């Protein structure tokens, strides 16, 4: 019932966006949804995920070095 009340307060479109964001971060609580909506995180652009290494530097050895 609390989640449905969020739709009345913030709107169904924003609630859908907040639910998508909550699923991405594996957070399924009312408090998380409310926080996402309250802080406007549902309106912010999400960063694209990268599968590459977080840091690229010549001194960092990859998996191939140890084989």
PDB file of N, CA and C in Angstrom:
ATOM      1  N   UNK A   1       0.814  -1.190   0.000  1.00  0.00           N
ATOM      2  CA  UNK A   1       0.000   0.000   0.000  1.00  0.00           C
ATOM      3  C   UNK A   1       0.865   1.264   0.000  1.00  0.00           C
ATOM      4  N   UNK A   2       1.989   1.198   0.683  1.00  0.00           N
ATOM      5  CA  UNK A   2       2.862   2.368   0.732  1.00  0.00           C
ATOM      6  C   UNK A   2       3.444   2.704  -0.625  1.00  0.00           C
ATOM      7  N   UNK A   3       3.787   1.680  -1.402  1.00  0.00           N
ATOM      8  CA  UNK A   3       4.346   1.912  -2.731  1.00  0.00           C
ATOM      9  C   UNK A   3       3.290   2.564  -3.626  1.00  0.00           C
ATOM     10  N   UNK A   4       2.050   2.125  -3.519  1.00  0.00           N
ATOM     11  CA  UNK A   4       0.978   2.730  -4.306  1.00  0.00           C
ATOM     12  C   UNK A   4       0.752   4.183  -3.909  1.00  0.00           C
ATOM     13  N   UNK A   5       0.950   4.490  -2.662  1.00  0.00           N
ATOM     14  CA  UNK A   5       0.824   5.870  -2.205  1.00  0.00           C
ATOM     15  C   UNK A   5       1.918   6.740  -2.817  1.00  0.00           C
ATOM     16  N   UNK A   6       3.094   6.158  -3.047  1.00  0.00           N
ATOM     17  CA  UNK A   6       4.161   6.916  -3.703  1.00  0.00           C
ATOM     18  C   UNK A   6       3.748   7.338  -5.107  1.00  0.00           C
ATOM     19  N   UNK A   7       2.974   6.504  -5.793  1.00  0.00           N
ATOM     20  CA  UNK A   7       2.487   6.849  -7.134  1.00  0.00           C
ATOM     21  C   UNK A   7       1.555   8.054  -7.073  1.00  0.00           C
ATOM     22  N   UNK A   8       0.760   8.145  -6.030  1.00  0.00           N
ATOM     23  CA  UNK A   8      -0.137   9.295  -5.885  1.00  0.00           C
ATOM     24  C   UNK A   8       0.645  10.567  -5.583  1.00  0.00           C
ATOM     25  N   UNK A   9       1.710  10.428  -4.813  1.00  0.00           N
ATOM     26  CA  UNK A   9       2.507  11.586  -4.421  1.00  0.00           C
ATOM     27  C   UNK A   9       3.430  12.064  -5.537  1.00  0.00           C
ATOM     28  N   UNK A  10       4.154  11.129  -6.167  1.00  0.00           N
ATOM     29  CA  UNK A  10       5.181  11.493  -7.137  1.00  0.00           C
ATOM     30  C   UNK A  10       4.775  11.254  -8.589  1.00  0.00           C
ATOM     31  N   UNK A  11       3.743  10.482  -8.815  1.00  0.00           N
ATOM     32  CA  UNK A  11       3.304  10.170 -10.178  1.00  0.00           C
ATOM     33  C   UNK A  11       3.761   8.789 -10.604  1.00  0.00           C
ATOM     34  N   UNK A  12       2.966   8.181 -11.463  1.00  0.00           N
ATOM     35  CA  UNK A  12       3.239   6.808 -11.894  1.00  0.00           C
ATOM     36  C   UNK A  12       4.506   6.699 -12.738  1.00  0.00           C
ATOM     37  N   UNK A  13       4.772   7.697 -13.570  1.00  0.00           N
ATOM     38  CA  UNK A  13       5.954   7.652 -14.436  1.00  0.00           C
ATOM     39  C   UNK A  13       7.230   7.686 -13.604  1.00  0.00           C
ATOM     40  N   UNK A  14       7.269   8.574 -12.626  1.00  0.00           N
ATOM     41  CA  UNK A  14       8.449   8.658 -11.755  1.00  0.00           C
ATOM     42  C   UNK A  14       8.610   7.403 -10.921  1.00  0.00           C
ATOM     43  N   UNK A  15       7.492   6.841 -10.453  1.00  0.00           N
ATOM     44  CA  UNK A  15       7.566   5.616  -9.665  1.00  0.00           C
ATOM     45  C   UNK A  15       8.125   4.471 -10.501  1.00  0.00           C
ATOM     46  N   UNK A  16       7.702   4.369 -11.753  1.00  0.00           N
ATOM     47  CA  UNK A  16       8.246   3.335 -12.637  1.00  0.00           C
ATOM     48  C   UNK A  16       9.753   3.500 -12.810  1.00  0.00           C
ATOM     49  N   UNK A  17      10.197   4.728 -13.015  1.00  0.00           N
ATOM     50  CA  UNK A  17      11.632   4.991 -13.176  1.00  0.00           C
ATOM     51  C   UNK A  17      12.391   4.656 -11.896  1.00  0.00           C
ATOM     52  N   UNK A  18      11.799   4.970 -10.751  1.00  0.00           N
ATOM     53  CA  UNK A  18      12.441   4.661  -9.470  1.00  0.00           C
ATOM     54  C   UNK A  18      12.514   3.154  -9.255  1.00  0.00           C
ATOM     55  N   UNK A  19      11.497   2.433  -9.670  1.00  0.00           N
ATOM     56  CA  UNK A  19      11.504   0.971  -9.540  1.00  0.00           C
ATOM     57  C   UNK A  19      12.598   0.357 -10.413  1.00  0.00           C
ATOM     58  N   UNK A  20      12.764   0.877 -11.619  1.00  0.00           N
ATOM     59  CA  UNK A  20      13.841   0.386 -12.481  1.00  0.00           C
ATOM     60  C   UNK A  20      15.199   0.618 -11.848  1.00  0.00           C
ATOM     61  N   UNK A  21      15.373   1.800 -11.284  1.00  0.00           N
ATOM     62  CA  UNK A  21      16.653   2.114 -10.632  1.00  0.00           C
ATOM     63  C   UNK A  21      16.871   1.220  -9.410  1.00  0.00           C
ATOM     64  N   UNK A  22      15.827   0.981  -8.639  1.00  0.00           N
ATOM     65  CA  UNK A  22      15.936   0.122  -7.460  1.00  0.00           C
ATOM     66  C   UNK A  22      16.297  -1.308  -7.863  1.00  0.00           C
ATOM     67  N   UNK A  23      15.747  -1.784  -8.958  1.00  0.00           N
ATOM     68  CA  UNK A  23      16.090  -3.121  -9.437  1.00  0.00           C
ATOM     69  C   UNK A  23      17.554  -3.205  -9.858  1.00  0.00           C
ATOM     70  N   UNK A  24      18.067  -2.142 -10.465  1.00  0.00           N
ATOM     71  CA  UNK A  24      19.465  -2.121 -10.887  1.00  0.00           C
ATOM     72  C   UNK A  24      20.424  -2.220  -9.707  1.00  0.00           C
ATOM     73  N   UNK A  25      20.047  -1.607  -8.597  1.00  0.00           N
ATOM     74  CA  UNK A  25      20.941  -1.616  -7.433  1.00  0.00           C
ATOM     75  C   UNK A  25      20.559  -2.693  -6.419  1.00  0.00           C
ATOM     76  N   UNK A  26      19.605  -3.547  -6.792  1.00  0.00           N
ATOM     77  CA  UNK A  26      19.168  -4.658  -5.932  1.00  0.00           C
ATOM     78  C   UNK A  26      18.679  -4.187  -4.568  1.00  0.00           C
ATOM     79  N   UNK A  27      17.866  -3.154  -4.577  1.00  0.00           N
ATOM     80  CA  UNK A  27      17.302  -2.620  -3.351  1.00  0.00           C
ATOM     81  C   UNK A  27      15.788  -2.585  -3.506  1.00  0.00           C
ATOM     82  N   UNK A  28      15.092  -3.430  -2.759  1.00  0.00           N
ATOM     83  CA  UNK A  28      13.676  -3.662  -2.985  1.00  0.00           C
ATOM     84  C   UNK A  28      12.781  -3.168  -1.851  1.00  0.00           C
ATOM     85  N   UNK A  29      13.207  -2.185  -1.098  1.00  0.00           N
ATOM     86  CA  UNK A  29      12.423  -1.734   0.044  1.00  0.00           C
ATOM     87  C   UNK A  29      11.669  -0.447  -0.267  1.00  0.00           C
ATOM     88  N   UNK A  30      10.622  -0.219   0.495  1.00  0.00           N
ATOM     89  CA  UNK A  30       9.857   1.024   0.386  1.00  0.00           C
ATOM     90  C   UNK A  30      10.772   2.213   0.645  1.00  0.00           C
ATOM     91  N   UNK A  31      11.617   2.090   1.650  1.00  0.00           N
ATOM     92  CA  UNK A  31      12.511   3.196   2.012  1.00  0.00           C
ATOM     93  C   UNK A  31      13.448   3.556   0.875  1.00  0.00           C
ATOM     94  N   UNK A  32      13.937   2.563   0.155  1.00  0.00           N
ATOM     95  CA  UNK A  32      14.815   2.832  -0.981  1.00  0.00           C
ATOM     96  C   UNK A  32      14.063   3.564  -2.089  1.00  0.00           C
ATOM     97  N   UNK A  33      12.866   3.093  -2.400  1.00  0.00           N
ATOM     98  CA  UNK A  33      12.059   3.761  -3.426  1.00  0.00           C
ATOM     99  C   UNK A  33      11.759   5.204  -3.028  1.00  0.00           C
ATOM    100  N   UNK A  34      11.382   5.393  -1.788  1.00  0.00           N
ATOM    101  CA  UNK A  34      11.073   6.739  -1.317  1.00  0.00           C
ATOM    102  C   UNK A  34      12.306   7.634  -1.401  1.00  0.00           C
ATOM    103  N   UNK A  35      13.446   7.116  -1.036  1.00  0.00           N
ATOM    104  CA  UNK A  35      14.685   7.892  -1.088  1.00  0.00           C
ATOM    105  C   UNK A  35      15.052   8.258  -2.530  1.00  0.00           C
ATOM    106  N   UNK A  36      14.892   7.319  -3.451  1.00  0.00           N
ATOM    107  CA  UNK A  36      15.182   7.586  -4.862  1.00  0.00           C
ATOM    108  C   UNK A  36      14.284   8.709  -5.372  1.00  0.00           C
ATOM    109  N   UNK A  37      13.017   8.640  -5.043  1.00  0.00           N
ATOM    110  CA  UNK A  37      12.075   9.662  -5.491  1.00  0.00           C
ATOM    111  C   UNK A  37      12.328  11.010  -4.815  1.00  0.00           C
ATOM    112  N   UNK A  38      12.555  10.983  -3.524  1.00  0.00           N
ATOM    113  CA  UNK A  38      12.757  12.210  -2.762  1.00  0.00           C
ATOM    114  C   UNK A  38      14.000  12.969  -3.233  1.00  0.00           C
ATOM    115  N   UNK A  39      15.057  12.226  -3.577  1.00  0.00           N
ATOM    116  CA  UNK A  39      16.304  12.851  -4.001  1.00  0.00           C
ATOM    117  C   UNK A  39      16.393  13.066  -5.508  1.00  0.00           C
ATOM    118  N   UNK A  40      15.343  12.681  -6.236  1.00  0.00           N
ATOM    119  CA  UNK A  40      15.314  12.908  -7.675  1.00  0.00           C
ATOM    120  C   UNK A  40      16.228  12.011  -8.479  1.00  0.00           C
ATOM    121  N   UNK A  41      16.645  10.901  -7.900  1.00  0.00           N
ATOM    122  CA  UNK A  41      17.557   9.998  -8.610  1.00  0.00           C
ATOM    123  C   UNK A  41      16.878   9.319  -9.795  1.00  0.00           C
ATOM    124  N   UNK A  42      15.553   9.257  -9.780  1.00  0.00           N
ATOM    125  CA  UNK A  42      14.838   8.661 -10.903  1.00  0.00           C
ATOM    126  C   UNK A  42      14.935   9.540 -12.149  1.00  0.00           C
ATOM    127  N   UNK A  43      15.236  10.812 -11.977  1.00  0.00           N
ATOM    128  CA  UNK A  43      15.344  11.753 -13.093  1.00  0.00           C
ATOM    129  C   UNK A  43      16.766  11.898 -13.610  1.00  0.00           C
ATOM    130  N   UNK A  44      17.730  11.427 -12.841  1.00  0.00           N
ATOM    131  CA  UNK A  44      19.130  11.562 -13.248  1.00  0.00           C
ATOM    132  C   UNK A  44      19.504  10.482 -14.239  1.00  0.00           C
ATOM    133  N   UNK A  45      20.391  10.835 -15.101  1.00  0.00           N
ATOM    134  CA  UNK A  45      20.885   9.888 -16.084  1.00  0.00           C
ATOM    135  C   UNK A  45      21.782   8.865 -15.412  1.00  0.00           C
ATOM    136  N   UNK A  46      21.620   7.628 -15.814  1.00  0.00           N
ATOM    137  CA  UNK A  46      22.443   6.567 -15.239  1.00  0.00           C
ATOM    138  C   UNK A  46      23.720   6.438 -16.032  1.00  0.00           C
ATOM    139  N   UNK A  47      24.799   6.117 -15.338  1.00  0.00           N
ATOM    140  CA  UNK A  47      26.080   5.912 -16.002  1.00  0.00           C
ATOM    141  C   UNK A  47      26.066   4.573 -16.723  1.00  0.00           C
ATOM    142  N   UNK A  48      26.655   4.562 -17.881  1.00  0.00           N
ATOM    143  CA  UNK A  48      26.741   3.313 -18.641  1.00  0.00           C
ATOM    144  C   UNK A  48      27.717   2.363 -17.954  1.00  0.00           C
ATOM    145  N   UNK A  49      27.326   1.113 -17.910  1.00  0.00           N
ATOM    146  CA  UNK A  49      28.202   0.112 -17.302  1.00  0.00           C
ATOM    147  C   UNK A  49      29.336  -0.223 -18.262  1.00  0.00           C
ATOM    148  N   UNK A  50      30.495  -0.425 -17.699  1.00  0.00           N
ATOM    149  CA  UNK A  50      31.632  -0.833 -18.511  1.00  0.00           C
ATOM    150  C   UNK A  50      32.111  -2.188 -18.026  1.00  0.00           C
ATOM    151  N   UNK A  51      32.449  -3.029 -18.958  1.00  0.00           N
ATOM    152  CA  UNK A  51      32.948  -4.350 -18.596  1.00  0.00           C
ATOM    153  C   UNK A  51      34.463  -4.384 -18.523  1.00  0.00           C
ATOM    154  N   UNK A  52      35.086  -3.313 -18.905  1.00  0.00           N
ATOM    155  CA  UNK A  52      36.545  -3.249 -18.904  1.00  0.00           C
ATOM    156  C   UNK A  52      37.087  -2.980 -17.516  1.00  0.00           C
ATOM    157  N   UNK A  53      38.396  -2.939 -17.410  1.00  0.00           N
ATOM    158  CA  UNK A  53      39.020  -2.665 -16.106  1.00  0.00           C
ATOM    159  C   UNK A  53      38.728  -1.238 -15.654  1.00  0.00           C
ATOM    160  N   UNK A  54      38.675  -1.059 -14.369  1.00  0.00           N
ATOM    161  CA  UNK A  54      38.400   0.254 -13.805  1.00  0.00           C
ATOM    162  C   UNK A  54      39.564   1.214 -14.038  1.00  0.00           C
ATOM    163  N   UNK A  55      40.779   0.671 -14.054  1.00  0.00           N
ATOM    164  CA  UNK A  55      41.973   1.489 -14.234  1.00  0.00           C
ATOM    165  C   UNK A  55      42.832   0.853 -15.323  1.00  0.00           C
ATOM    166  N   UNK A  56      43.305   1.661 -16.235  1.00  0.00           N
ATOM    167  CA  UNK A  56      44.262   1.165 -17.224  1.00  0.00           C
ATOM    168  C   UNK A  56      45.571   1.917 -17.014  1.00  0.00           C
ATOM    169  N   UNK A  57      46.612   1.170 -16.769  1.00  0.00           N
ATOM    170  CA  UNK A  57      47.927   1.738 -16.507  1.00  0.00           C
ATOM    171  C   UNK A  57      48.962   0.696 -16.879  1.00  0.00           C
ATOM    172  N   UNK A  58      50.117   1.072 -17.394  1.00  0.00           N
ATOM    173  CA  UNK A  58      51.112   0.077 -17.820  1.00  0.00           C
ATOM    174  C   UNK A  58      51.654  -0.799 -16.679  1.00  0.00           C
ATOM    175  N   UNK A  59      51.568  -0.334 -15.457  1.00  0.00           N
ATOM    176  CA  UNK A  59      52.088  -1.130 -14.336  1.00  0.00           C
ATOM    177  C   UNK A  59      51.100  -2.126 -13.770  1.00  0.00           C
ATOM    178  N   UNK A  60      49.860  -2.099 -14.233  1.00  0.00           N
ATOM    179  CA  UNK A  60      48.844  -3.016 -13.745  1.00  0.00           C
ATOM    180  C   UNK A  60      48.835  -4.251 -14.642  1.00  0.00           C
ATOM    181  N   UNK A  61      49.039  -5.417 -14.026  1.00  0.00           N
ATOM    182  CA  UNK A  61      49.101  -6.662 -14.775  1.00  0.00           C
ATOM    183  C   UNK A  61      47.732  -7.314 -14.827  1.00  0.00           C
ATOM    184  N   UNK A  62      47.383  -7.825 -15.948  1.00  0.00           N
ATOM    185  CA  UNK A  62      46.111  -8.507 -16.102  1.00  0.00           C
ATOM    186  C   UNK A  62      46.244 -10.006 -15.855  1.00  0.00           C
ATOM    187  N   UNK A  63      45.170 -10.741 -16.141  1.00  0.00           N
ATOM    188  CA  UNK A  63      45.144 -12.191 -15.922  1.00  0.00           C
ATOM    189  C   UNK A  63      46.173 -12.902 -16.783  1.00  0.00           C
ATOM    190  N   UNK A  64      46.458 -12.371 -17.981  1.00  0.00           N
ATOM    191  CA  UNK A  64      47.425 -13.007 -18.873  1.00  0.00           C
ATOM    192  C   UNK A  64      48.841 -13.047 -18.321  1.00  0.00           C
ATOM    193  N   UNK A  65      49.173 -12.159 -17.438  1.00  0.00           N
ATOM    194  CA  UNK A  65      50.516 -12.108 -16.849  1.00  0.00           C
ATOM    195  C   UNK A  65      50.796 -13.343 -16.001  1.00  0.00           C
ATOM    196  N   UNK A  66      49.799 -13.874 -15.356  1.00  0.00           N
ATOM    197  CA  UNK A  66      49.988 -14.961 -14.404  1.00  0.00           C
ATOM    198  C   UNK A  66      49.858 -16.345 -15.038  1.00  0.00           C
ATOM    199  N   UNK A  67      49.635 -16.419 -16.350  1.00  0.00           N
ATOM    200  CA  UNK A  67      49.506 -17.717 -17.011  1.00  0.00           C
ATOM    201  C   UNK A  67      50.722 -18.055 -17.780  1.00  0.00           C
TER     202      UNK A  67
END
